[in-house]
Amino acid sequence: MHVRFIVPNRSSKRKSELLKDIAMIVDMTTFAHTFLRNERKKLMSKHLIREGVSVFVRNISSVLTLTEVFQTPLMYLLK
């Protein structure tokens, strides 16, 4: 998958900071996606539905916490 970003014409220092922010957000999104996929595989291999649901809820809250941490750079990029 290729992701292309059009960076506004700004100072090169600000541009590199912006690209670092974008890279960090992409890394964390990839991490969260991989984490959830691996957890889902574990849950599928077990047939413990009740335990599975509680683990899934904990994992979702972890991902939401990560999203909150990166909300500020995202909001800046969306301005």
PDB file of N, CA and C in Angstrom:
ATOM      1  N   MET A   1       0.837  -1.191   0.000  1.00  0.00           N
ATOM      2  CA  MET A   1       0.000   0.000   0.000  1.00  0.00           C
ATOM      3  C   MET A   1       0.879   1.251   0.000  1.00  0.00           C
ATOM      4  N   HIS A   2       0.577   2.164  -0.877  1.00  0.00           N
ATOM      5  CA  HIS A   2       1.342   3.408  -0.937  1.00  0.00           C
ATOM      6  C   HIS A   2       0.465   4.544  -0.437  1.00  0.00           C
ATOM      7  N   VAL A   3       1.029   5.368   0.442  1.00  0.00           N
ATOM      8  CA  VAL A   3       0.305   6.521   0.952  1.00  0.00           C
ATOM      9  C   VAL A   3       1.054   7.756   0.492  1.00  0.00           C
ATOM     10  N   ARG A   4       0.323   8.661  -0.141  1.00  0.00           N
ATOM     11  CA  ARG A   4       0.962   9.879  -0.632  1.00  0.00           C
ATOM     12  C   ARG A   4       0.435  11.073   0.132  1.00  0.00           C
ATOM     13  N   PHE A   5       1.315  11.905   0.632  1.00  0.00           N
ATOM     14  CA  PHE A   5       0.902  13.089   1.360  1.00  0.00           C
ATOM     15  C   PHE A   5       1.329  14.319   0.580  1.00  0.00           C
ATOM     16  N   ILE A   6       0.421  15.273   0.496  1.00  0.00           N
ATOM     17  CA  ILE A   6       0.784  16.559  -0.105  1.00  0.00           C
ATOM     18  C   ILE A   6       1.034  17.502   1.064  1.00  0.00           C
ATOM     19  N   VAL A   7       2.273  17.907   1.215  1.00  0.00           N
ATOM     20  CA  VAL A   7       2.640  18.765   2.341  1.00  0.00           C
ATOM     21  C   VAL A   7       2.600  20.208   1.878  1.00  0.00           C
ATOM     22  N   PRO A   8       1.900  21.061   2.644  1.00  0.00           N
ATOM     23  CA  PRO A   8       1.836  22.477   2.255  1.00  0.00           C
ATOM     24  C   PRO A   8       3.231  23.096   2.155  1.00  0.00           C
ATOM     25  N   ASN A   9       3.336  24.124   1.359  1.00  0.00           N
ATOM     26  CA  ASN A   9       4.615  24.788   1.156  1.00  0.00           C
ATOM     27  C   ASN A   9       4.970  25.580   2.413  1.00  0.00           C
ATOM     28  N   ARG A  10       5.829  25.013   3.238  1.00  0.00           N
ATOM     29  CA  ARG A  10       6.234  25.659   4.491  1.00  0.00           C
ATOM     30  C   ARG A  10       7.736  25.542   4.624  1.00  0.00           C
ATOM     31  N   SER A  11       8.253  26.062   5.723  1.00  0.00           N
ATOM     32  CA  SER A  11       9.694  25.951   5.957  1.00  0.00           C
ATOM     33  C   SER A  11      10.087  24.481   6.038  1.00  0.00           C
ATOM     34  N   SER A  12      11.302  24.172   5.638  1.00  0.00           N
ATOM     35  CA  SER A  12      11.736  22.770   5.604  1.00  0.00           C
ATOM     36  C   SER A  12      11.754  22.161   7.005  1.00  0.00           C
ATOM     37  N   LYS A  13      12.027  22.962   8.041  1.00  0.00           N
ATOM     38  CA  LYS A  13      12.033  22.439   9.412  1.00  0.00           C
ATOM     39  C   LYS A  13      10.614  22.011   9.794  1.00  0.00           C
ATOM     40  N   ARG A  14       9.647  22.877   9.528  1.00  0.00           N
ATOM     41  CA  ARG A  14       8.250  22.577   9.855  1.00  0.00           C
ATOM     42  C   ARG A  14       7.760  21.386   9.030  1.00  0.00           C
ATOM     43  N   LYS A  15       8.198  21.333   7.773  1.00  0.00           N
ATOM     44  CA  LYS A  15       7.790  20.234   6.888  1.00  0.00           C
ATOM     45  C   LYS A  15       8.307  18.898   7.427  1.00  0.00           C
ATOM     46  N   SER A  16       9.566  18.886   7.911  1.00  0.00           N
ATOM     47  CA  SER A  16      10.114  17.631   8.431  1.00  0.00           C
ATOM     48  C   SER A  16       9.402  17.234   9.724  1.00  0.00           C
ATOM     49  N   GLU A  17       9.026  18.214  10.560  1.00  0.00           N
ATOM     50  CA  GLU A  17       8.263  17.916  11.778  1.00  0.00           C
ATOM     51  C   GLU A  17       6.910  17.308  11.414  1.00  0.00           C
ATOM     52  N   LEU A  18       6.279  17.885  10.398  1.00  0.00           N
ATOM     53  CA  LEU A  18       4.969  17.413   9.946  1.00  0.00           C
ATOM     54  C   LEU A  18       5.071  15.972   9.429  1.00  0.00           C
ATOM     55  N   LEU A  19       6.112  15.703   8.652  1.00  0.00           N
ATOM     56  CA  LEU A  19       6.309  14.350   8.121  1.00  0.00           C
ATOM     57  C   LEU A  19       6.590  13.352   9.243  1.00  0.00           C
ATOM     58  N   LYS A  20       7.333  13.787  10.278  1.00  0.00           N
ATOM     59  CA  LYS A  20       7.582  12.907  11.435  1.00  0.00           C
ATOM     60  C   LYS A  20       6.278  12.589  12.147  1.00  0.00           C
ATOM     61  N   ASP A  21       5.423  13.623  12.330  1.00  0.00           N
ATOM     62  CA  ASP A  21       4.112  13.421  12.969  1.00  0.00           C
ATOM     63  C   ASP A  21       3.286  12.417  12.174  1.00  0.00           C
ATOM     64  N   ILE A  22       3.276  12.580  10.852  1.00  0.00           N
ATOM     65  CA  ILE A  22       2.495  11.680   9.990  1.00  0.00           C
ATOM     66  C   ILE A  22       3.035  10.263  10.103  1.00  0.00           C
ATOM     67  N   ALA A  23       4.349  10.114  10.068  1.00  0.00           N
ATOM     68  CA  ALA A  23       4.966   8.788  10.164  1.00  0.00           C
ATOM     69  C   ALA A  23       4.623   8.125  11.491  1.00  0.00           C
ATOM     70  N   MET A  24       4.628   8.919  12.567  1.00  0.00           N
ATOM     71  CA  MET A  24       4.319   8.377  13.884  1.00  0.00           C
ATOM     72  C   MET A  24       2.863   7.902  13.934  1.00  0.00           C
ATOM     73  N   ILE A  25       1.944   8.676  13.365  1.00  0.00           N
ATOM     74  CA  ILE A  25       0.528   8.295  13.342  1.00  0.00           C
ATOM     75  C   ILE A  25       0.339   7.020  12.524  1.00  0.00           C
ATOM     76  N   VAL A  26       1.001   6.937  11.379  1.00  0.00           N
ATOM     77  CA  VAL A  26       0.908   5.744  10.526  1.00  0.00           C
ATOM     78  C   VAL A  26       1.454   4.528  11.277  1.00  0.00           C
ATOM     79  N   ASP A  27       2.601   4.695  11.966  1.00  0.00           N
ATOM     80  CA  ASP A  27       3.188   3.594  12.751  1.00  0.00           C
ATOM     81  C   ASP A  27       2.227   3.107  13.828  1.00  0.00           C
ATOM     82  N   MET A  28       1.614   4.040  14.559  1.00  0.00           N
ATOM     83  CA  MET A  28       0.725   3.655  15.652  1.00  0.00           C
ATOM     84  C   MET A  28      -0.540   2.985  15.109  1.00  0.00           C
ATOM     85  N   THR A  29      -1.033   3.451  13.965  1.00  0.00           N
ATOM     86  CA  THR A  29      -2.217   2.839  13.360  1.00  0.00           C
ATOM     87  C   THR A  29      -1.901   1.413  12.934  1.00  0.00           C
ATOM     88  N   THR A  30      -0.728   1.233  12.326  1.00  0.00           N
ATOM     89  CA  THR A  30      -0.293  -0.109  11.906  1.00  0.00           C
ATOM     90  C   THR A  30      -0.149  -1.019  13.114  1.00  0.00           C
ATOM     91  N   PHE A  31       0.450  -0.479  14.192  1.00  0.00           N
ATOM     92  CA  PHE A  31       0.626  -1.246  15.424  1.00  0.00           C
ATOM     93  C   PHE A  31      -0.733  -1.686  15.973  1.00  0.00           C
ATOM     94  N   ALA A  32      -1.675  -0.747  16.043  1.00  0.00           N
ATOM     95  CA  ALA A  32      -2.999  -1.054  16.596  1.00  0.00           C
ATOM     96  C   ALA A  32      -3.705  -2.111  15.747  1.00  0.00           C
ATOM     97  N   HIS A  33      -3.580  -1.982  14.430  1.00  0.00           N
ATOM     98  CA  HIS A  33      -4.221  -2.926  13.509  1.00  0.00           C
ATOM     99  C   HIS A  33      -3.639  -4.329  13.704  1.00  0.00           C
ATOM    100  N   THR A  34      -2.316  -4.430  13.760  1.00  0.00           N
ATOM    101  CA  THR A  34      -1.642  -5.721  13.940  1.00  0.00           C
ATOM    102  C   THR A  34      -2.008  -6.334  15.288  1.00  0.00           C
ATOM    103  N   PHE A  35      -2.003  -5.484  16.322  1.00  0.00           N
ATOM    104  CA  PHE A  35      -2.330  -5.926  17.672  1.00  0.00           C
ATOM    105  C   PHE A  35      -3.728  -6.538  17.715  1.00  0.00           C
ATOM    106  N   LEU A  36      -4.704  -5.832  17.140  1.00  0.00           N
ATOM    107  CA  LEU A  36      -6.090  -6.328  17.149  1.00  0.00           C
ATOM    108  C   LEU A  36      -6.218  -7.602  16.315  1.00  0.00           C
ATOM    109  N   ARG A  37      -5.534  -7.654  15.181  1.00  0.00           N
ATOM    110  CA  ARG A  37      -5.609  -8.845  14.322  1.00  0.00           C
ATOM    111  C   ARG A  37      -5.050 -10.067  15.062  1.00  0.00           C
ATOM    112  N   ASN A  38      -3.911  -9.893  15.738  1.00  0.00           N
ATOM    113  CA  ASN A  38      -3.308 -10.997  16.492  1.00  0.00           C
ATOM    114  C   ASN A  38      -4.206 -11.442  17.635  1.00  0.00           C
ATOM    115  N   GLU A  39      -4.813 -10.465  18.323  1.00  0.00           N
ATOM    116  CA  GLU A  39      -5.704 -10.807  19.432  1.00  0.00           C
ATOM    117  C   GLU A  39      -6.920 -11.572  18.912  1.00  0.00           C
ATOM    118  N   ARG A  40      -7.414 -11.171  17.748  1.00  0.00           N
ATOM    119  CA  ARG A  40      -8.593 -11.838  17.183  1.00  0.00           C
ATOM    120  C   ARG A  40      -8.257 -13.290  16.846  1.00  0.00           C
ATOM    121  N   LYS A  41      -7.032 -13.505  16.310  1.00  0.00           N
ATOM    122  CA  LYS A  41      -6.602 -14.881  16.010  1.00  0.00           C
ATOM    123  C   LYS A  41      -6.570 -15.720  17.285  1.00  0.00           C
ATOM    124  N   LYS A  42      -6.039 -15.125  18.376  1.00  0.00           N
ATOM    125  CA  LYS A  42      -5.984 -15.850  19.653  1.00  0.00           C
ATOM    126  C   LYS A  42      -7.391 -16.207  20.114  1.00  0.00           C
ATOM    127  N   LEU A  43      -8.303 -15.232  19.982  1.00  0.00           N
ATOM    128  CA  LEU A  43      -9.676 -15.463  20.442  1.00  0.00           C
ATOM    129  C   LEU A  43     -10.358 -16.534  19.601  1.00  0.00           C
ATOM    130  N   MET A  44     -10.052 -16.554  18.297  1.00  0.00           N
ATOM    131  CA  MET A  44     -10.676 -17.549  17.424  1.00  0.00           C
ATOM    132  C   MET A  44     -10.176 -18.949  17.785  1.00  0.00           C
ATOM    133  N   SER A  45      -8.912 -19.033  18.232  1.00  0.00           N
ATOM    134  CA  SER A  45      -8.370 -20.347  18.562  1.00  0.00           C
ATOM    135  C   SER A  45      -8.945 -20.867  19.884  1.00  0.00           C
ATOM    136  N   LYS A  46      -9.364 -19.943  20.747  1.00  0.00           N
ATOM    137  CA  LYS A  46     -10.027 -20.345  21.999  1.00  0.00           C
ATOM    138  C   LYS A  46     -11.524 -20.294  21.742  1.00  0.00           C
ATOM    139  N   HIS A  47     -12.268 -21.086  22.482  1.00  0.00           N
ATOM    140  CA  HIS A  47     -13.723 -21.003  22.326  1.00  0.00           C
ATOM    141  C   HIS A  47     -14.344 -20.470  23.605  1.00  0.00           C
ATOM    142  N   LEU A  48     -13.661 -19.503  24.210  1.00  0.00           N
ATOM    143  CA  LEU A  48     -14.132 -18.913  25.460  1.00  0.00           C
ATOM    144  C   LEU A  48     -14.753 -17.557  25.142  1.00  0.00           C
ATOM    145  N   ILE A  49     -16.018 -17.566  24.819  1.00  0.00           N
ATOM    146  CA  ILE A  49     -16.666 -16.341  24.344  1.00  0.00           C
ATOM    147  C   ILE A  49     -16.663 -15.247  25.415  1.00  0.00           C
ATOM    148  N   ARG A  50     -17.037 -15.592  26.632  1.00  0.00           N
ATOM    149  CA  ARG A  50     -17.133 -14.564  27.692  1.00  0.00           C
ATOM    150  C   ARG A  50     -15.777 -13.920  27.940  1.00  0.00           C
ATOM    151  N   GLU A  51     -14.727 -14.736  28.084  1.00  0.00           N
ATOM    152  CA  GLU A  51     -13.382 -14.200  28.303  1.00  0.00           C
ATOM    153  C   GLU A  51     -12.949 -13.397  27.077  1.00  0.00           C
ATOM    154  N   GLY A  52     -13.281 -13.921  25.912  1.00  0.00           N
ATOM    155  CA  GLY A  52     -12.933 -13.246  24.660  1.00  0.00           C
ATOM    156  C   GLY A  52     -13.512 -11.848  24.589  1.00  0.00           C
ATOM    157  N   VAL A  53     -14.763 -11.702  24.987  1.00  0.00           N
ATOM    158  CA  VAL A  53     -15.416 -10.386  24.920  1.00  0.00           C
ATOM    159  C   VAL A  53     -14.728  -9.407  25.862  1.00  0.00           C
ATOM    160  N   SER A  54     -14.388  -9.850  27.087  1.00  0.00           N
ATOM    161  CA  SER A  54     -13.748  -8.921  28.027  1.00  0.00           C
ATOM    162  C   SER A  54     -12.351  -8.531  27.548  1.00  0.00           C
ATOM    163  N   VAL A  55     -11.604  -9.479  26.975  1.00  0.00           N
ATOM    164  CA  VAL A  55     -10.270  -9.171  26.429  1.00  0.00           C
ATOM    165  C   VAL A  55     -10.408  -8.187  25.273  1.00  0.00           C
ATOM    166  N   PHE A  56     -11.395  -8.416  24.417  1.00  0.00           N
ATOM    167  CA  PHE A  56     -11.617  -7.548  23.258  1.00  0.00           C
ATOM    168  C   PHE A  56     -11.924  -6.114  23.718  1.00  0.00           C
ATOM    169  N   VAL A  57     -12.774  -5.987  24.738  1.00  0.00           N
ATOM    170  CA  VAL A  57     -13.126  -4.658  25.252  1.00  0.00           C
ATOM    171  C   VAL A  57     -11.885  -3.960  25.818  1.00  0.00           C
ATOM    172  N   ARG A  58     -11.047  -4.698  26.550  1.00  0.00           N
ATOM    173  CA  ARG A  58      -9.802  -4.108  27.077  1.00  0.00           C
ATOM    174  C   ARG A  58      -8.900  -3.640  25.934  1.00  0.00           C
ATOM    175  N   ASN A  59      -8.809  -4.455  24.877  1.00  0.00           N
ATOM    176  CA  ASN A  59      -7.950  -4.093  23.741  1.00  0.00           C
ATOM    177  C   ASN A  59      -8.477  -2.862  23.020  1.00  0.00           C
ATOM    178  N   ILE A  60      -9.790  -2.799  22.844  1.00  0.00           N
ATOM    179  CA  ILE A  60     -10.384  -1.623  22.186  1.00  0.00           C
ATOM    180  C   ILE A  60     -10.078  -0.381  23.012  1.00  0.00           C
ATOM    181  N   SER A  61     -10.200  -0.469  24.341  1.00  0.00           N
ATOM    182  CA  SER A  61      -9.916   0.712  25.159  1.00  0.00           C
ATOM    183  C   SER A  61      -8.441   1.100  25.053  1.00  0.00           C
ATOM    184  N   SER A  62      -7.536   0.115  24.895  1.00  0.00           N
ATOM    185  CA  SER A  62      -6.110   0.437  24.694  1.00  0.00           C
ATOM    186  C   SER A  62      -5.915   1.211  23.401  1.00  0.00           C
ATOM    187  N   VAL A  63      -6.589   0.753  22.344  1.00  0.00           N
ATOM    188  CA  VAL A  63      -6.458   1.423  21.040  1.00  0.00           C
ATOM    189  C   VAL A  63      -7.044   2.826  21.117  1.00  0.00           C
ATOM    190  N   LEU A  64      -8.174   2.984  21.814  1.00  0.00           N
ATOM    191  CA  LEU A  64      -8.778   4.313  21.954  1.00  0.00           C
ATOM    192  C   LEU A  64      -7.841   5.244  22.721  1.00  0.00           C
ATOM    193  N   THR A  65      -7.157   4.720  23.712  1.00  0.00           N
ATOM    194  CA  THR A  65      -6.187   5.535  24.461  1.00  0.00           C
ATOM    195  C   THR A  65      -5.061   5.985  23.536  1.00  0.00           C
ATOM    196  N   LEU A  66      -4.566   5.052  22.700  1.00  0.00           N
ATOM    197  CA  LEU A  66      -3.515   5.415  21.736  1.00  0.00           C
ATOM    198  C   LEU A  66      -4.017   6.501  20.792  1.00  0.00           C
ATOM    199  N   THR A  67      -5.287   6.369  20.364  1.00  0.00           N
ATOM    200  CA  THR A  67      -5.863   7.352  19.449  1.00  0.00           C
ATOM    201  C   THR A  67      -5.920   8.722  20.111  1.00  0.00           C
ATOM    202  N   GLU A  68      -6.297   8.770  21.382  1.00  0.00           N
ATOM    203  CA  GLU A  68      -6.348  10.044  22.107  1.00  0.00           C
ATOM    204  C   GLU A  68      -4.970  10.690  22.186  1.00  0.00           C
ATOM    205  N   VAL A  69      -3.942   9.863  22.396  1.00  0.00           N
ATOM    206  CA  VAL A  69      -2.578  10.379  22.494  1.00  0.00           C
ATOM    207  C   VAL A  69      -2.187  11.079  21.195  1.00  0.00           C
ATOM    208  N   PHE A  70      -2.644  10.519  20.061  1.00  0.00           N
ATOM    209  CA  PHE A  70      -2.238  11.070  18.763  1.00  0.00           C
ATOM    210  C   PHE A  70      -3.290  11.982  18.155  1.00  0.00           C
ATOM    211  N   GLN A  71      -4.296  12.341  18.949  1.00  0.00           N
ATOM    212  CA  GLN A  71      -5.370  13.194  18.438  1.00  0.00           C
ATOM    213  C   GLN A  71      -4.858  14.597  18.125  1.00  0.00           C
ATOM    214  N   THR A  72      -3.972  15.125  18.966  1.00  0.00           N
ATOM    215  CA  THR A  72      -3.480  16.496  18.771  1.00  0.00           C
ATOM    216  C   THR A  72      -2.742  16.652  17.437  1.00  0.00           C
ATOM    217  N   PRO A  73      -1.751  15.777  17.121  1.00  0.00           N
ATOM    218  CA  PRO A  73      -1.117  15.911  15.802  1.00  0.00           C
ATOM    219  C   PRO A  73      -2.119  15.737  14.668  1.00  0.00           C
ATOM    220  N   LEU A  74      -3.091  14.823  14.842  1.00  0.00           N
ATOM    221  CA  LEU A  74      -4.090  14.608  13.793  1.00  0.00           C
ATOM    222  C   LEU A  74      -4.940  15.855  13.595  1.00  0.00           C
ATOM    223  N   MET A  75      -5.380  16.451  14.695  1.00  0.00           N
ATOM    224  CA  MET A  75      -6.234  17.645  14.594  1.00  0.00           C
ATOM    225  C   MET A  75      -5.459  18.774  13.916  1.00  0.00           C
ATOM    226  N   TYR A  76      -4.155  18.871  14.223  1.00  0.00           N
ATOM    227  CA  TYR A  76      -3.331  19.903  13.593  1.00  0.00           C
ATOM    228  C   TYR A  76      -3.269  19.679  12.087  1.00  0.00           C
ATOM    229  N   LEU A  77      -3.115  18.418  11.693  1.00  0.00           N
ATOM    230  CA  LEU A  77      -3.002  18.104  10.267  1.00  0.00           C
ATOM    231  C   LEU A  77      -4.317  18.354   9.533  1.00  0.00           C
ATOM    232  N   LEU A  78      -5.441  18.205  10.248  1.00  0.00           N
ATOM    233  CA  LEU A  78      -6.743  18.356   9.601  1.00  0.00           C
ATOM    234  C   LEU A  78      -7.194  19.809   9.510  1.00  0.00           C
ATOM    235  N   LYS A  79      -6.500  20.721  10.217  1.00  0.00           N
ATOM    236  CA  LYS A  79      -6.873  22.142  10.172  1.00  0.00           C
ATOM    237  C   LYS A  79      -6.737  22.693   8.778  1.00  0.00           C
TER     238      LYS A  79
END
